[in-house]
Protein backbone atom coordinates (compact mmCIF):
# COMPACT_ATOMS: atom_id res chain seq x y z
CA MET A 1 -3.11 -13.11 5.72
CA ALA A 2 -2.21 -11.13 2.54
CA ILE A 3 -5.05 -8.96 0.71
CA THR A 4 -3.90 -9.21 -2.67
CA GLY A 5 -4.99 -7.04 -5.87
CA ARG A 6 -7.61 -9.74 -7.00
CA ASP A 7 -9.59 -8.90 -3.50
CA ILE A 8 -9.93 -5.43 -4.26
CA GLU A 9 -10.82 -6.10 -7.72
CA HIS A 10 -13.10 -8.54 -6.63
CA LEU A 11 -14.55 -5.29 -3.82
CA LEU A 12 -15.01 -3.22 -6.81
CA TYR A 13 -17.13 -5.79 -9.12
CA THR A 14 -19.09 -7.94 -6.80
CA GLU A 15 -22.53 -8.08 -7.17
CA THR A 16 -23.02 -8.44 -3.24
CA PRO A 17 -25.23 -5.54 -1.86
CA ASP A 18 -23.08 -3.20 0.03
CA PRO A 19 -19.84 -4.80 -0.26
CA VAL A 20 -17.49 -4.92 2.61
CA LEU A 21 -13.81 -6.62 2.52
CA VAL A 22 -12.91 -8.08 5.60
CA VAL A 23 -10.17 -10.88 7.33
CA HIS A 24 -12.02 -13.63 8.90
CA ASN A 25 -10.33 -16.59 10.24
CA GLY A 26 -6.97 -15.82 8.36
CA GLU A 27 -8.99 -15.38 4.78
CA ALA A 28 -10.29 -12.07 3.09
CA GLU A 29 -13.37 -12.15 2.17
CA ILE A 30 -16.21 -10.21 0.59
CA VAL A 31 -19.35 -9.74 2.64
CA SER A 32 -22.58 -7.82 2.53
CA ALA A 33 -22.73 -5.30 4.82
CA ALA A 34 -25.62 -6.63 6.67
CA ASP A 35 -23.90 -9.98 7.22
CA LEU A 36 -21.02 -8.61 9.17
CA GLY A 37 -22.97 -9.64 12.74
CA GLN A 38 -22.62 -13.14 11.36
CA ARG A 39 -18.77 -12.81 11.19
CA PRO A 40 -17.74 -12.90 15.04
CA GLY A 41 -13.93 -11.53 14.85
CA ALA A 42 -13.97 -10.48 11.34
CA ILE A 43 -11.67 -7.34 10.54
CA VAL A 44 -13.35 -4.95 8.33
CA VAL A 45 -10.63 -3.91 5.44
CA CYS A 46 -12.80 -1.66 3.57
CA SER A 47 -16.04 -1.07 1.92
CA ARG A 48 -16.70 -0.63 -1.27
CA ARG A 49 -18.08 2.80 -0.71
CA GLU A 50 -15.15 3.93 1.05
CA LEU A 51 -12.74 2.53 -1.86
CA LEU A 52 -14.83 4.43 -4.46
CA ARG A 53 -14.49 7.89 -2.34
CA ARG A 54 -10.40 7.17 -2.41
CA VAL A 55 -9.60 5.98 -5.85
CA GLY A 56 -13.20 7.64 -7.66
CA GLU A 57 -14.70 5.90 -10.43
CA ARG A 58 -12.15 4.32 -13.08
CA ASP A 59 -10.60 1.14 -13.56
CA LEU A 60 -7.52 0.39 -11.57
CA SER A 61 -3.87 -1.01 -12.88
CA GLU A 62 -2.61 -3.93 -11.83
CA GLN A 63 0.27 -1.68 -10.03
CA GLU A 64 -2.21 0.20 -8.02
CA LEU A 65 -4.22 -2.65 -7.45
CA GLU A 66 -1.59 -4.61 -5.96
CA ALA A 67 -0.18 -0.75 -3.87
CA LEU A 68 -3.92 -0.76 -2.13
CA ALA A 69 -3.79 -4.62 -1.24
CA ALA A 70 -0.02 -4.16 0.21
CA GLU A 71 -1.42 -1.42 2.43
CA PHE A 72 -4.47 -2.88 2.95
CA THR A 73 -2.17 -6.08 4.54
CA THR A 74 -0.38 -3.74 6.54
CA SER A 75 -2.87 -2.14 7.74
CA THR A 76 -4.32 -5.27 9.47
CA ARG A 77 -1.36 -6.90 10.88
CA PRO A 78 -1.30 -6.35 14.72
CA PRO A 79 1.33 -4.02 15.60
CA VAL A 80 5.16 -4.97 16.16
CA PRO A 81 5.68 -4.75 19.77
CA PRO A 82 8.98 -2.51 20.27
CA PRO A 83 12.22 -4.22 21.60
CA PRO A 84 12.77 -4.98 24.94
CA ALA A 85 14.47 -1.53 26.98
CA TRP A 86 17.59 -3.25 28.48
CA PRO A 87 19.31 -1.26 31.14
CA ALA A 88 22.85 0.40 29.57
C-alpha cells in the first residue's frame, strides 16, 4: 500500500475534524481521531497537527508532498527480515 501526495494534501485540507491519516485494510483513509476506535487494525500514519508541526503553515510543492508520501509509505511497511545466517 502506497501513500500518495494526494493523501497528504487531503490530510492538510480536509474538513474532517481532528483528521488523522491511517492505513486500514490496505487503503489510505482520512478519519477523525474520535473515530479511530471504529477501525480496528488501522495503522495511524500521521495527524494533521503532527504534519503542520513538521512542515509549518504553508503550501507544499508536489515534490514535497511526494517526498512525505514516500517517507510515510516506508514507515508503514513491515520490516524486512534479515537473511538467514547460514553456517560458514
